[in-house]
PDB file of N, CA and C in Angstrom:
ATOM      1  N   MET A   1     -27.180 -97.013  -0.082  1.00  0.00           N
ATOM      2  CA  MET A   1     -27.096 -95.528  -0.470  1.00  0.00           C
ATOM      3  C   MET A   1     -26.297 -94.450   0.224  1.00  0.00           C
ATOM      4  N   GLY A   2     -25.312 -93.849   0.190  1.00  0.00           N
ATOM      5  CA  GLY A   2     -24.753 -93.041   1.314  1.00  0.00           C
ATOM      6  C   GLY A   2     -24.783 -91.307   0.822  1.00  0.00           C
ATOM      7  N   PHE A   3     -24.180 -90.462   1.384  1.00  0.00           N
ATOM      8  CA  PHE A   3     -23.871 -89.207   1.325  1.00  0.00           C
ATOM      9  C   PHE A   3     -22.980 -88.708   1.302  1.00  0.00           C
ATOM     10  N   SER A   4     -22.152 -89.623   0.687  1.00  0.00           N
ATOM     11  CA  SER A   4     -20.719 -89.226   0.495  1.00  0.00           C
ATOM     12  C   SER A   4     -20.289 -88.167  -0.693  1.00  0.00           C
ATOM     13  N   GLY A   5     -19.494 -86.834  -0.300  1.00  0.00           N
ATOM     14  CA  GLY A   5     -19.401 -86.064  -1.390  1.00  0.00           C
ATOM     15  C   GLY A   5     -20.600 -84.807  -1.212  1.00  0.00           C
ATOM     16  N   ASN A   6     -21.643 -85.169  -0.589  1.00  0.00           N
ATOM     17  CA  ASN A   6     -22.826 -83.971  -0.627  1.00  0.00           C
ATOM     18  C   ASN A   6     -22.266 -82.888   0.491  1.00  0.00           C
ATOM     19  N   ILE A   7     -23.235 -81.876   0.407  1.00  0.00           N
ATOM     20  CA  ILE A   7     -22.933 -80.984   1.168  1.00  0.00           C
ATOM     21  C   ILE A   7     -23.843 -81.149   2.587  1.00  0.00           C
ATOM     22  N   VAL A   8     -23.306 -80.781   3.722  1.00  0.00           N
ATOM     23  CA  VAL A   8     -24.178 -80.749   5.177  1.00  0.00           C
ATOM     24  C   VAL A   8     -24.347 -79.204   5.447  1.00  0.00           C
ATOM     25  N   VAL A   9     -25.399 -78.582   5.455  1.00  0.00           N
ATOM     26  CA  VAL A   9     -25.483 -77.545   6.138  1.00  0.00           C
ATOM     27  C   VAL A   9     -25.931 -77.633   7.646  1.00  0.00           C
ATOM     28  N   ILE A  10     -25.306 -77.291   8.682  1.00  0.00           N
ATOM     29  CA  ILE A  10     -25.717 -77.004   9.946  1.00  0.00           C
ATOM     30  C   ILE A  10     -26.190 -75.839  10.684  1.00  0.00           C
ATOM     31  N   THR A  11     -27.354 -75.893  11.007  1.00  0.00           N
ATOM     32  CA  THR A  11     -28.109 -74.824  11.555  1.00  0.00           C
ATOM     33  C   THR A  11     -28.038 -74.326  12.811  1.00  0.00           C
ATOM     34  N   SER A  12     -27.543 -75.270  13.384  1.00  0.00           N
ATOM     35  CA  SER A  12     -27.736 -75.236  15.179  1.00  0.00           C
ATOM     36  C   SER A  12     -26.440 -76.358  15.499  1.00  0.00           C
ATOM     37  N   GLY A  13     -25.526 -75.591  16.450  1.00  0.00           N
ATOM     38  CA  GLY A  13     -24.648 -76.588  16.910  1.00  0.00           C
ATOM     39  C   GLY A  13     -24.604 -76.271  18.086  1.00  0.00           C
ATOM     40  N   CYS A  14     -23.314 -76.281  19.003  1.00  0.00           N
ATOM     41  CA  CYS A  14     -23.108 -76.014  20.412  1.00  0.00           C
ATOM     42  C   CYS A  14     -23.684 -74.664  20.677  1.00  0.00           C
ATOM     43  N   ARG A  15     -24.470 -74.442  21.807  1.00  0.00           N
ATOM     44  CA  ARG A  15     -25.449 -73.132  22.016  1.00  0.00           C
ATOM     45  C   ARG A  15     -24.709 -72.948  23.585  1.00  0.00           C
ATOM     46  N   SER A  16     -24.741 -71.810  23.912  1.00  0.00           N
ATOM     47  CA  SER A  16     -24.919 -71.257  25.379  1.00  0.00           C
ATOM     48  C   SER A  16     -25.650 -71.526  25.943  1.00  0.00           C
ATOM     49  N   PRO A  17     -25.976 -71.497  27.192  1.00  0.00           N
ATOM     50  CA  PRO A  17     -27.254 -71.542  27.805  1.00  0.00           C
ATOM     51  C   PRO A  17     -28.259 -70.421  27.523  1.00  0.00           C
ATOM     52  N   MET A  18     -27.429 -69.436  27.448  1.00  0.00           N
ATOM     53  CA  MET A  18     -28.076 -67.867  27.228  1.00  0.00           C
ATOM     54  C   MET A  18     -28.683 -67.893  26.027  1.00  0.00           C
ATOM     55  N   LEU A  19     -28.005 -68.763  24.600  1.00  0.00           N
ATOM     56  CA  LEU A  19     -28.575 -68.612  23.151  1.00  0.00           C
ATOM     57  C   LEU A  19     -29.431 -69.478  23.490  1.00  0.00           C
ATOM     58  N   ASN A  20     -29.255 -70.851  23.898  1.00  0.00           N
ATOM     59  CA  ASN A  20     -30.561 -71.598  24.022  1.00  0.00           C
ATOM     60  C   ASN A  20     -31.718 -71.401  24.361  1.00  0.00           C
ATOM     61  N   ARG A  21     -32.008 -70.635  25.651  1.00  0.00           N
ATOM     62  CA  ARG A  21     -33.057 -70.013  26.207  1.00  0.00           C
ATOM     63  C   ARG A  21     -33.402 -69.002  25.092  1.00  0.00           C
ATOM     64  N   HIS A  22     -32.995 -68.244  24.255  1.00  0.00           N
ATOM     65  CA  HIS A  22     -33.312 -67.482  23.407  1.00  0.00           C
ATOM     66  C   HIS A  22     -33.719 -68.058  22.469  1.00  0.00           C
ATOM     67  N   VAL A  23     -33.167 -69.230  21.872  1.00  0.00           N
ATOM     68  CA  VAL A  23     -34.032 -69.640  20.564  1.00  0.00           C
ATOM     69  C   VAL A  23     -35.071 -70.755  21.170  1.00  0.00           C
ATOM     70  N   GLY A  24     -35.730 -70.955  22.381  1.00  0.00           N
ATOM     71  CA  GLY A  24     -36.772 -71.587  23.167  1.00  0.00           C
ATOM     72  C   GLY A  24     -36.257 -73.313  22.766  1.00  0.00           C
ATOM     73  N   GLY A  25     -34.910 -73.427  23.048  1.00  0.00           N
ATOM     74  CA  GLY A  25     -34.504 -74.544  23.024  1.00  0.00           C
ATOM     75  C   GLY A  25     -34.682 -75.216  24.491  1.00  0.00           C
ATOM     76  N   ALA A  26     -34.986 -76.687  24.849  1.00  0.00           N
ATOM     77  CA  ALA A  26     -35.161 -77.289  26.058  1.00  0.00           C
ATOM     78  C   ALA A  26     -34.080 -77.149  26.906  1.00  0.00           C
ATOM     79  N   PRO A  27     -34.360 -76.652  28.392  1.00  0.00           N
ATOM     80  CA  PRO A  27     -33.442 -76.956  29.485  1.00  0.00           C
ATOM     81  C   PRO A  27     -32.274 -77.375  29.715  1.00  0.00           C
ATOM     82  N   ASN A  28     -32.497 -78.706  29.197  1.00  0.00           N
ATOM     83  CA  ASN A  28     -31.342 -79.863  29.303  1.00  0.00           C
ATOM     84  C   ASN A  28     -31.297 -80.309  27.805  1.00  0.00           C
ATOM     85  N   SER A  29     -31.235 -79.320  26.901  1.00  0.00           N
ATOM     86  CA  SER A  29     -30.705 -79.724  25.388  1.00  0.00           C
ATOM     87  C   SER A  29     -29.438 -80.250  25.082  1.00  0.00           C
ATOM     88  N   GLN A  30     -29.164 -80.952  24.268  1.00  0.00           N
ATOM     89  CA  GLN A  30     -28.028 -81.722  24.468  1.00  0.00           C
ATOM     90  C   GLN A  30     -27.212 -80.595  23.431  1.00  0.00           C
ATOM     91  N   HIS A  31     -27.555 -79.805  22.984  1.00  0.00           N
ATOM     92  CA  HIS A  31     -26.625 -78.343  22.236  1.00  0.00           C
ATOM     93  C   HIS A  31     -26.046 -77.884  23.316  1.00  0.00           C
ATOM     94  N   ILE A  32     -26.034 -77.674  24.124  1.00  0.00           N
ATOM     95  CA  ILE A  32     -25.538 -76.696  25.428  1.00  0.00           C
ATOM     96  C   ILE A  32     -24.113 -77.598  25.597  1.00  0.00           C
ATOM     97  N   THR A  33     -24.015 -79.199  25.517  1.00  0.00           N
ATOM     98  CA  THR A  33     -23.015 -79.677  26.072  1.00  0.00           C
ATOM     99  C   THR A  33     -22.225 -80.076  24.604  1.00  0.00           C
ATOM    100  N   GLY A  34     -22.731 -79.662  23.415  1.00  0.00           N
ATOM    101  CA  GLY A  34     -21.965 -79.770  22.282  1.00  0.00           C
ATOM    102  C   GLY A  34     -22.536 -81.222  21.530  1.00  0.00           C
ATOM    103  N   GLU A  35     -23.329 -81.921  22.130  1.00  0.00           N
ATOM    104  CA  GLU A  35     -23.515 -83.570  22.010  1.00  0.00           C
ATOM    105  C   GLU A  35     -24.911 -83.508  20.558  1.00  0.00           C
ATOM    106  N   ALA A  36     -25.219 -82.300  20.348  1.00  0.00           N
ATOM    107  CA  ALA A  36     -26.426 -82.252  19.276  1.00  0.00           C
ATOM    108  C   ALA A  36     -26.197 -81.543  18.131  1.00  0.00           C
ATOM    109  N   ALA A  37     -26.611 -81.602  16.724  1.00  0.00           N
ATOM    110  CA  ALA A  37     -26.573 -80.849  15.769  1.00  0.00           C
ATOM    111  C   ALA A  37     -28.132 -80.797  15.291  1.00  0.00           C
ATOM    112  N   ASP A  38     -28.397 -79.532  14.522  1.00  0.00           N
ATOM    113  CA  ASP A  38     -29.280 -79.547  13.661  1.00  0.00           C
ATOM    114  C   ASP A  38     -28.815 -79.314  12.014  1.00  0.00           C
ATOM    115  N   PHE A  39     -29.433 -79.921  11.067  1.00  0.00           N
ATOM    116  CA  PHE A  39     -28.723 -79.848   9.914  1.00  0.00           C
ATOM    117  C   PHE A  39     -29.794 -80.082   8.539  1.00  0.00           C
ATOM    118  N   TYR A  40     -29.359 -80.023   7.434  1.00  0.00           N
ATOM    119  CA  TYR A  40     -30.076 -80.488   6.375  1.00  0.00           C
ATOM    120  C   TYR A  40     -28.945 -80.930   5.514  1.00  0.00           C
ATOM    121  N   VAL A  41     -29.391 -81.375   4.246  1.00  0.00           N
ATOM    122  CA  VAL A  41     -28.513 -81.765   3.214  1.00  0.00           C
ATOM    123  C   VAL A  41     -29.337 -81.357   1.926  1.00  0.00           C
ATOM    124  N   PRO A  42     -28.394 -80.392   1.335  1.00  0.00           N
ATOM    125  CA  PRO A  42     -29.192 -79.419   0.287  1.00  0.00           C
ATOM    126  C   PRO A  42     -29.847 -80.598  -0.827  1.00  0.00           C
ATOM    127  N   GLY A  43     -30.602 -80.145  -1.605  1.00  0.00           N
ATOM    128  CA  GLY A  43     -31.135 -81.434  -2.885  1.00  0.00           C
ATOM    129  C   GLY A  43     -31.907 -82.786  -2.313  1.00  0.00           C
ATOM    130  N   ILE A  44     -31.458 -82.886  -0.966  1.00  0.00           N
ATOM    131  CA  ILE A  44     -31.750 -84.313  -0.286  1.00  0.00           C
ATOM    132  C   ILE A  44     -32.918 -84.235   0.409  1.00  0.00           C
ATOM    133  N   ASP A  45     -33.752 -84.727   0.145  1.00  0.00           N
ATOM    134  CA  ASP A  45     -35.124 -85.224   1.136  1.00  0.00           C
ATOM    135  C   ASP A  45     -34.769 -85.139   2.418  1.00  0.00           C
ATOM    136  N   ASN A  46     -35.253 -84.310   3.647  1.00  0.00           N
ATOM    137  CA  ASN A  46     -35.334 -84.472   4.704  1.00  0.00           C
ATOM    138  C   ASN A  46     -35.408 -86.238   5.494  1.00  0.00           C
ATOM    139  N   LEU A  47     -36.382 -86.134   5.177  1.00  0.00           N
ATOM    140  CA  LEU A  47     -37.168 -87.530   5.584  1.00  0.00           C
ATOM    141  C   LEU A  47     -36.249 -88.534   5.132  1.00  0.00           C
ATOM    142  N   THR A  48     -35.662 -88.470   3.788  1.00  0.00           N
ATOM    143  CA  THR A  48     -34.821 -89.530   3.198  1.00  0.00           C
ATOM    144  C   THR A  48     -33.338 -89.902   3.871  1.00  0.00           C
ATOM    145  N   VAL A  49     -33.213 -88.589   4.514  1.00  0.00           N
ATOM    146  CA  VAL A  49     -31.799 -88.571   5.245  1.00  0.00           C
ATOM    147  C   VAL A  49     -31.806 -89.039   6.572  1.00  0.00           C
ATOM    148  N   ALA A  50     -33.364 -88.595   7.061  1.00  0.00           N
ATOM    149  CA  ALA A  50     -33.704 -89.289   8.674  1.00  0.00           C
ATOM    150  C   ALA A  50     -33.603 -90.530   8.547  1.00  0.00           C
ATOM    151  N   ILE A  51     -33.761 -91.264   7.559  1.00  0.00           N
ATOM    152  CA  ILE A  51     -34.373 -92.646   7.478  1.00  0.00           C
ATOM    153  C   ILE A  51     -33.037 -93.349   7.588  1.00  0.00           C
ATOM    154  N   TRP A  52     -31.943 -92.772   6.817  1.00  0.00           N
ATOM    155  CA  TRP A  52     -31.031 -93.487   6.576  1.00  0.00           C
ATOM    156  C   TRP A  52     -29.979 -93.730   7.957  1.00  0.00           C
ATOM    157  N   ILE A  53     -29.837 -92.232   8.352  1.00  0.00           N
ATOM    158  CA  ILE A  53     -29.398 -92.217   9.559  1.00  0.00           C
ATOM    159  C   ILE A  53     -29.828 -93.330  10.834  1.00  0.00           C
ATOM    160  N   ARG A  54     -31.231 -93.099  11.051  1.00  0.00           N
ATOM    161  CA  ARG A  54     -32.033 -94.557  11.557  1.00  0.00           C
ATOM    162  C   ARG A  54     -31.132 -95.438  11.345  1.00  0.00           C
ATOM    163  N   ASP A  55     -31.630 -96.040  10.272  1.00  0.00           N
ATOM    164  CA  ASP A  55     -31.063 -97.117   9.610  1.00  0.00           C
ATOM    165  C   ASP A  55     -29.550 -97.685   9.758  1.00  0.00           C
ATOM    166  N   ASN A  56     -28.850 -96.920   9.979  1.00  0.00           N
ATOM    167  CA  ASN A  56     -27.279 -96.867   9.293  1.00  0.00           C
ATOM    168  C   ASN A  56     -26.202 -96.142  10.421  1.00  0.00           C
ATOM    169  N   LEU A  57     -26.600 -95.169  11.243  1.00  0.00           N
ATOM    170  CA  LEU A  57     -25.600 -94.845  12.110  1.00  0.00           C
ATOM    171  C   LEU A  57     -26.162 -94.954  13.882  1.00  0.00           C
ATOM    172  N   VAL A  58     -25.207 -94.849  14.710  1.00  0.00           N
ATOM    173  CA  VAL A  58     -25.211 -94.974  16.114  1.00  0.00           C
ATOM    174  C   VAL A  58     -25.547 -93.300  16.765  1.00  0.00           C
ATOM    175  N   PHE A  59     -26.777 -93.235  17.476  1.00  0.00           N
ATOM    176  CA  PHE A  59     -26.913 -92.153  17.478  1.00  0.00           C
ATOM    177  C   PHE A  59     -27.828 -92.094  19.067  1.00  0.00           C
ATOM    178  N   ASP A  60     -27.792 -90.809  19.932  1.00  0.00           N
ATOM    179  CA  ASP A  60     -28.831 -90.854  21.225  1.00  0.00           C
ATOM    180  C   ASP A  60     -30.098 -90.433  20.495  1.00  0.00           C
ATOM    181  N   GLN A  61     -30.240 -89.612  19.999  1.00  0.00           N
ATOM    182  CA  GLN A  61     -31.779 -88.869  19.554  1.00  0.00           C
ATOM    183  C   GLN A  61     -31.762 -88.596  18.257  1.00  0.00           C
ATOM    184  N   LEU A  62     -32.750 -88.939  17.455  1.00  0.00           N
ATOM    185  CA  LEU A  62     -32.745 -88.502  16.115  1.00  0.00           C
ATOM    186  C   LEU A  62     -34.362 -87.930  15.785  1.00  0.00           C
ATOM    187  N   ILE A  63     -34.172 -86.583  15.619  1.00  0.00           N
ATOM    188  CA  ILE A  63     -35.974 -86.014  15.256  1.00  0.00           C
ATOM    189  C   ILE A  63     -35.807 -85.337  14.095  1.00  0.00           C
ATOM    190  N   LEU A  64     -36.755 -85.462  13.382  1.00  0.00           N
ATOM    191  CA  LEU A  64     -37.213 -84.606  12.079  1.00  0.00           C
ATOM    192  C   LEU A  64     -38.450 -83.599  12.579  1.00  0.00           C
ATOM    193  N   GLU A  65     -37.443 -82.502  12.507  1.00  0.00           N
ATOM    194  CA  GLU A  65     -38.591 -81.251  12.917  1.00  0.00           C
ATOM    195  C   GLU A  65     -38.922 -80.696  11.865  1.00  0.00           C
ATOM    196  N   TYR A  66     -40.346 -80.251  12.001  1.00  0.00           N
ATOM    197  CA  TYR A  66     -41.080 -79.447  11.207  1.00  0.00           C
ATOM    198  C   TYR A  66     -41.021 -79.543   9.903  1.00  0.00           C
ATOM    199  N   TYR A  67     -40.773 -81.019   9.303  1.00  0.00           N
ATOM    200  CA  TYR A  67     -40.789 -81.370   8.064  1.00  0.00           C
ATOM    201  C   TYR A  67     -42.293 -81.226   7.097  1.00  0.00           C
ATOM    202  N   GLN A  68     -41.830 -80.735   6.063  1.00  0.00           N
ATOM    203  CA  GLN A  68     -42.993 -80.272   4.965  1.00  0.00           C
ATOM    204  C   GLN A  68     -42.874 -80.882   3.960  1.00  0.00           C
ATOM    205  N   GLY A  69     -41.836 -81.653   3.254  1.00  0.00           N
ATOM    206  CA  GLY A  69     -41.016 -82.044   2.472  1.00  0.00           C
ATOM    207  C   GLY A  69     -39.828 -81.315   1.770  1.00  0.00           C
ATOM    208  N   GLY A  70     -39.078 -82.250   1.089  1.00  0.00           N
ATOM    209  CA  GLY A  70     -38.093 -81.790   0.809  1.00  0.00           C
ATOM    210  C   GLY A  70     -36.915 -81.342   1.657  1.00  0.00           C
ATOM    211  N   ASN A  71     -36.772 -80.106   2.004  1.00  0.00           N
ATOM    212  CA  ASN A  71     -35.678 -79.737   2.720  1.00  0.00           C
ATOM    213  C   ASN A  71     -35.998 -78.612   3.913  1.00  0.00           C
ATOM    214  N   SER A  72     -37.340 -78.769   4.053  1.00  0.00           N
ATOM    215  CA  SER A  72     -38.087 -77.909   4.898  1.00  0.00           C
ATOM    216  C   SER A  72     -37.802 -78.608   6.221  1.00  0.00           C
ATOM    217  N   GLY A  73     -37.792 -77.494   7.227  1.00  0.00           N
ATOM    218  CA  GLY A  73     -37.788 -78.142   8.410  1.00  0.00           C
ATOM    219  C   GLY A  73     -36.214 -78.398   8.694  1.00  0.00           C
ATOM    220  N   TRP A  74     -35.667 -79.062   9.392  1.00  0.00           N
ATOM    221  CA  TRP A  74     -34.547 -79.845   9.921  1.00  0.00           C
ATOM    222  C   TRP A  74     -34.793 -81.308  10.486  1.00  0.00           C
ATOM    223  N   ILE A  75     -33.201 -82.150  10.617  1.00  0.00           N
ATOM    224  CA  ILE A  75     -32.951 -82.964  11.561  1.00  0.00           C
ATOM    225  C   ILE A  75     -32.227 -82.658  12.413  1.00  0.00           C
ATOM    226  N   HIS A  76     -32.305 -83.172  13.627  1.00  0.00           N
ATOM    227  CA  HIS A  76     -31.722 -82.894  15.075  1.00  0.00           C
ATOM    228  C   HIS A  76     -30.996 -84.348  15.234  1.00  0.00           C
ATOM    229  N   VAL A  77     -29.759 -84.263  15.350  1.00  0.00           N
ATOM    230  CA  VAL A  77     -29.380 -85.605  15.983  1.00  0.00           C
ATOM    231  C   VAL A  77     -28.237 -85.411  16.723  1.00  0.00           C
ATOM    232  N   SER A  78     -28.247 -86.185  17.841  1.00  0.00           N
ATOM    233  CA  SER A  78     -27.066 -86.040  18.924  1.00  0.00           C
ATOM    234  C   SER A  78     -26.904 -87.831  19.527  1.00  0.00           C
ATOM    235  N   TYR A  79     -25.657 -87.529  20.041  1.00  0.00           N
ATOM    236  CA  TYR A  79     -24.787 -88.639  20.384  1.00  0.00           C
ATOM    237  C   TYR A  79     -24.517 -88.225  21.807  1.00  0.00           C
ATOM    238  N   SER A  80     -23.869 -89.433  22.902  1.00  0.00           N
ATOM    239  CA  SER A  80     -24.040 -89.249  23.963  1.00  0.00           C
ATOM    240  C   SER A  80     -23.443 -90.622  24.701  1.00  0.00           C
ATOM    241  N   ASP A  81     -22.677 -90.531  25.543  1.00  0.00           N
ATOM    242  CA  ASP A  81     -22.354 -91.916  26.488  1.00  0.00           C
ATOM    243  C   ASP A  81     -23.153 -93.182  26.679  1.00  0.00           C
ATOM    244  N   SER A  82     -24.625 -92.693  26.325  1.00  0.00           N
ATOM    245  CA  SER A  82     -25.365 -93.791  26.544  1.00  0.00           C
ATOM    246  C   SER A  82     -26.508 -93.434  25.662  1.00  0.00           C
ATOM    247  N   ASN A  83     -26.038 -93.773  24.232  1.00  0.00           N
ATOM    248  CA  ASN A  83     -27.408 -93.729  23.350  1.00  0.00           C
ATOM    249  C   ASN A  83     -28.740 -94.405  23.377  1.00  0.00           C
ATOM    250  N   ARG A  84     -29.683 -93.609  23.469  1.00  0.00           N
ATOM    251  CA  ARG A  84     -30.960 -94.116  23.725  1.00  0.00           C
ATOM    252  C   ARG A  84     -31.778 -94.612  22.365  1.00  0.00           C
ATOM    253  N   LYS A  85     -30.844 -94.325  21.286  1.00  0.00           N
ATOM    254  CA  LYS A  85     -31.545 -94.674  19.884  1.00  0.00           C
ATOM    255  C   LYS A  85     -33.257 -94.324  19.706  1.00  0.00           C
ATOM    256  N   GLN A  86     -33.599 -93.082  20.421  1.00  0.00           N
ATOM    257  CA  GLN A  86     -34.437 -92.528  20.076  1.00  0.00           C
ATOM    258  C   GLN A  86     -34.747 -92.016  18.813  1.00  0.00           C
ATOM    259  N   VAL A  87     -35.937 -92.153  18.520  1.00  0.00           N
ATOM    260  CA  VAL A  87     -36.735 -91.764  17.314  1.00  0.00           C
ATOM    261  C   VAL A  87     -37.653 -90.701  17.437  1.00  0.00           C
ATOM    262  N   LEU A  88     -38.088 -89.775  16.574  1.00  0.00           N
ATOM    263  CA  LEU A  88     -39.172 -88.617  17.191  1.00  0.00           C
ATOM    264  C   LEU A  88     -39.525 -87.880  15.830  1.00  0.00           C
ATOM    265  N   THR A  89     -40.756 -87.248  15.859  1.00  0.00           N
ATOM    266  CA  THR A  89     -40.958 -86.359  15.010  1.00  0.00           C
ATOM    267  C   THR A  89     -41.974 -85.604  15.242  1.00  0.00           C
ATOM    268  N   ILE A  90     -41.199 -84.041  15.148  1.00  0.00           N
ATOM    269  CA  ILE A  90     -42.005 -82.966  15.789  1.00  0.00           C
ATOM    270  C   ILE A  90     -42.370 -82.221  14.736  1.00  0.00           C
ATOM    271  N   ASN A  91     -43.802 -81.907  14.883  1.00  0.00           N
ATOM    272  CA  ASN A  91     -44.437 -81.402  13.915  1.00  0.00           C
ATOM    273  C   ASN A  91     -45.352 -80.071  14.251  1.00  0.00           C
ATOM    274  N   TYR A  92     -46.207 -79.179  13.548  1.00  0.00           N
ATOM    275  CA  TYR A  92     -47.106 -78.246  13.610  1.00  0.00           C
ATOM    276  C   TYR A  92     -48.630 -78.671  14.513  1.00  0.00           C
ATOM    277  N   SER A  93     -48.270 -80.391  14.572  1.00  0.00           N
ATOM    278  CA  SER A  93     -49.449 -80.752  15.090  1.00  0.00           C
ATOM    279  C   SER A  93     -48.988 -81.810  16.661  1.00  0.00           C
ATOM    280  N   GLY A  94     -47.789 -81.960  16.761  1.00  0.00           N
ATOM    281  CA  GLY A  94     -47.409 -82.475  18.009  1.00  0.00           C
ATOM    282  C   GLY A  94     -46.035 -83.259  17.955  1.00  0.00           C
ATOM    283  N   ARG A  95     -45.688 -84.090  18.825  1.00  0.00           N
ATOM    284  CA  ARG A  95     -44.276 -84.948  18.889  1.00  0.00           C
ATOM    285  C   ARG A  95     -45.475 -86.217  18.975  1.00  0.00           C
ATOM    286  N   TYR A  96     -44.211 -87.049  18.130  1.00  0.00           N
ATOM    287  CA  TYR A  96     -44.529 -88.683  17.780  1.00  0.00           C
ATOM    288  C   TYR A  96     -43.736 -89.412  17.942  1.00  0.00           C
ATOM    289  N   ASN A  97     -43.500 -90.597  18.149  1.00  0.00           N
ATOM    290  CA  ASN A  97     -42.694 -91.627  18.219  1.00  0.00           C
ATOM    291  C   ASN A  97     -42.597 -91.918  16.724  1.00  0.00           C
ATOM    292  N   GLY A  98     -41.291 -92.123  16.326  1.00  0.00           N
ATOM    293  CA  GLY A  98     -40.885 -92.461  14.777  1.00  0.00           C
ATOM    294  C   GLY A  98     -40.862 -91.588  13.907  1.00  0.00           C
ATOM    295  N   LEU A  99     -40.653 -91.928  12.709  1.00  0.00           N
ATOM    296  CA  LEU A  99     -40.756 -90.755  11.264  1.00  0.00           C
ATOM    297  C   LEU A  99     -41.916 -90.948  10.733  1.00  0.00           C
ATOM    298  N   ARG A 100     -42.249 -89.765  10.707  1.00  0.00           N
ATOM    299  CA  ARG A 100     -43.230 -89.168   9.515  1.00  0.00           C
ATOM    300  C   ARG A 100     -43.296 -88.556   8.872  1.00  0.00           C
ATOM    301  N   GLY A 101     -43.668 -88.737   7.798  1.00  0.00           N
ATOM    302  CA  GLY A 101     -43.820 -87.719   6.324  1.00  0.00           C
ATOM    303  C   GLY A 101     -44.681 -86.893   6.551  1.00  0.00           C
ATOM    304  N   VAL A 102     -44.831 -86.364   5.222  1.00  0.00           N
ATOM    305  CA  VAL A 102     -46.007 -85.681   5.296  1.00  0.00           C
ATOM    306  C   VAL A 102     -47.211 -86.252   4.921  1.00  0.00           C
TER     307      VAL A 102
END
């Protein structure tokens, strides 16, 4: 399965340090260096997209954030010169290794 032809909605890309602080981003956020984006694909469950990225793409960090089914929350993905292939879920209960559904 791929996502060819689907629309991707980017909700956050490159941020200035001031904007990053304003939105509560981590001080060392890869958004500041233009290495990260937050997004979703309308009509395709965020967990499904995150699993596909995990299994098919090279990345530094993949985070399924505040997912409660469907297109709720967002997917954070980053790429750098030294990719860690770190996979996390962040939700209202905490931060977890791996991808967690509802």
